[in-house]
Protein backbone atom coordinates (compact mmCIF):
# COMPACT_ATOMS: atom_id res chain seq x y z
CA MET A 1 45.49 76.74 17.36
CA SER A 2 45.92 80.40 16.51
CA ASP A 3 42.22 81.26 16.39
CA PRO A 4 40.97 82.73 19.70
CA ILE A 5 37.66 80.84 19.45
CA GLU A 6 39.50 77.53 18.98
CA ARG A 7 41.66 78.31 22.00
CA ALA A 8 38.57 79.07 24.09
CA ALA A 9 36.95 75.79 22.98
CA ALA A 10 40.04 73.87 24.02
CA ASP A 11 40.11 75.56 27.44
CA VAL A 12 37.10 74.03 29.19
CA ALA A 13 36.33 75.77 32.48
CA LEU A 14 34.68 74.39 35.59
CA PRO A 15 31.37 75.89 36.70
CA PHE A 16 32.34 78.16 39.60
CA ARG A 17 30.08 78.77 42.57
CA GLY A 18 28.36 82.13 42.19
CA THR A 19 28.54 82.11 38.39
CA ILE A 20 25.97 79.40 37.64
CA TRP A 21 22.72 81.04 36.66
CA SER A 22 19.53 79.04 37.14
CA ASP A 23 15.87 79.72 36.48
CA ASP A 24 12.53 77.98 36.36
CA THR A 25 11.07 77.66 32.88
CA THR A 26 7.45 77.90 31.73
CA THR A 27 5.52 78.15 28.47
CA THR A 28 6.06 81.93 28.57
CA ASP A 29 9.16 83.42 26.92
CA GLN A 30 11.85 84.39 29.43
CA TYR A 31 15.18 86.12 28.79
CA PHE A 32 18.81 85.84 29.88
CA ASP A 33 20.89 89.01 29.42
CA LEU A 34 24.21 88.03 27.80
CA ASP A 35 25.64 91.49 28.60
CA GLN A 36 24.99 91.42 32.35
CA ALA A 37 27.78 91.99 34.85
CA VAL A 38 29.07 88.94 36.72
CA THR A 39 31.84 88.75 39.33
CA ASN A 40 34.71 86.86 37.74
CA PRO A 41 35.50 83.95 40.11
CA LEU A 42 39.22 84.11 39.29
CA THR A 43 39.75 87.85 39.76
CA GLY A 44 36.90 88.85 42.06
CA ILE A 45 36.16 91.80 39.75
CA SER A 46 32.68 92.46 38.38
CA GLU A 47 32.85 92.26 34.58
CA LEU A 48 30.20 93.74 32.30
CA LYS A 49 29.46 91.45 29.34
CA PHE A 50 31.03 88.55 31.24
CA PHE A 51 29.48 85.93 28.94
CA ARG A 52 30.62 87.61 25.69
CA GLY A 53 33.58 85.98 23.94
CA ARG A 54 33.18 82.71 25.85
CA TYR A 55 31.53 79.39 25.44
CA ILE A 56 28.52 78.98 27.67
CA THR A 57 26.89 75.70 28.62
CA ILE A 58 23.13 75.50 28.93
CA GLN A 59 21.65 72.57 30.83
CA ALA A 60 17.95 71.65 30.53
CA LEU A 61 16.57 70.08 33.69
CA SER A 62 13.25 68.22 33.90
CA ALA A 63 11.75 69.60 30.65
CA ASP A 64 12.76 70.16 27.03
CA LEU A 65 14.16 73.69 26.68
CA TYR A 66 13.55 75.81 23.58
CA LEU A 67 15.87 78.76 22.96
CA ALA A 68 17.23 81.32 20.51
CA CYS A 69 19.27 84.52 20.67
CA VAL A 70 17.14 87.64 20.22
CA ASP A 71 17.85 91.36 20.01
CA THR A 72 15.34 92.56 22.62
CA ASN A 73 13.62 91.05 25.62
CA ALA A 74 10.29 91.47 23.81
CA ARG A 75 10.88 88.97 20.97
CA THR A 76 8.96 85.72 20.99
CA ILE A 77 10.05 82.23 20.03
CA THR A 78 7.88 79.24 19.19
CA PRO A 79 8.61 75.53 19.65
CA THR A 80 6.09 74.63 16.91
CA ALA A 81 7.67 76.25 13.83
CA ALA A 82 6.78 74.68 10.49
CA ALA A 83 9.36 72.53 8.70
CA GLY A 84 11.39 74.49 6.17
CA ASP A 85 10.38 77.80 7.69
CA LEU A 86 13.03 80.44 8.44
CA ALA A 87 10.65 82.45 10.59
CA ALA A 88 12.17 84.80 13.13
CA ALA A 89 10.36 82.94 15.92
CA ASN A 90 12.16 79.64 15.25
CA CYS A 91 14.26 78.16 18.02
CA ILE A 92 16.25 75.05 18.90
CA VAL A 93 15.56 72.44 21.56
CA ILE A 94 17.77 71.00 24.27
CA PRO A 95 16.11 67.78 25.46
CA ALA A 96 15.46 67.42 29.19
CA GLY A 97 18.48 66.11 31.07
CA GLN A 98 20.97 67.25 28.41
CA ASP A 99 23.22 70.25 27.88
CA ARG A 100 24.74 72.10 24.96
CA SER A 101 27.66 74.51 24.70
CA PHE A 102 27.62 77.59 22.46
CA TYR A 103 30.08 80.36 21.67
CA VAL A 104 28.72 83.83 22.51
CA PRO A 105 30.18 86.43 20.09
CA HIS A 106 31.81 89.56 21.50
CA GLY A 107 28.99 91.72 20.15
CA GLY A 108 29.33 95.17 18.71
CA GLN A 109 29.03 95.31 14.93
CA THR A 110 28.84 91.54 14.47
CA THR A 111 25.71 90.95 16.53
CA ASN A 112 23.08 92.83 18.44
CA HIS A 113 21.56 89.69 19.94
CA ARG A 114 21.84 90.62 23.59
CA TYR A 115 19.30 88.18 25.04
CA LEU A 116 18.84 84.44 25.11
CA ALA A 117 15.10 83.73 24.92
CA TYR A 118 13.97 80.42 26.41
CA ARG A 119 10.80 78.53 27.28
CA THR A 120 9.20 75.10 27.46
CA ALA A 121 6.59 73.81 25.01
CA SER A 122 4.38 72.53 27.82
CA GLY A 123 4.58 72.35 31.59
CA SER A 124 7.54 73.73 33.50
CA GLY A 125 11.16 72.85 34.13
CA SER A 126 14.42 74.58 34.95
CA LEU A 127 17.74 75.44 33.36
CA ARG A 128 21.30 76.28 34.32
CA ILE A 129 23.72 78.47 32.39
CA TRP A 130 27.43 78.95 33.08
CA ALA A 131 30.56 80.18 31.31
CA SER A 132 32.38 77.04 30.23
CA SER A 133 35.55 78.57 28.78
CA ARG A 134 37.90 81.45 29.33
CA LYS A 135 37.25 84.61 27.34
CA ALA A 136 38.57 84.51 23.77
CA SER A 137 40.42 87.64 22.72
CA ALA A 138 38.54 89.82 20.24
């Protein structure tokens, strides 16, 4: 395993107290800043862009969660996109009670998608997000 992303995937990390982000979800778009500073539980040092270059796990609690990476915290997503449509508002769903892990690119020239937009299709629920791997080297 010479690829840094493969090494990060193989190095599953526990969710550390103080680094698990949670929020209530509604039918209104909300945003999670992937570049925010978080205190690293292993070093005690606040790290800007803590979630970049890591796998994150997103857990949907009590309602289906719709999400997509977006470039600003003003972009909208829609859970009712038409089949075969590559519209910018398309998103994926994590069914209630399940979780998914995703690699968050380092950023810079490869991506400007700083925010994770999320919402429910109806009603309300909640979600949890945590870094689930060590940082992969750039």
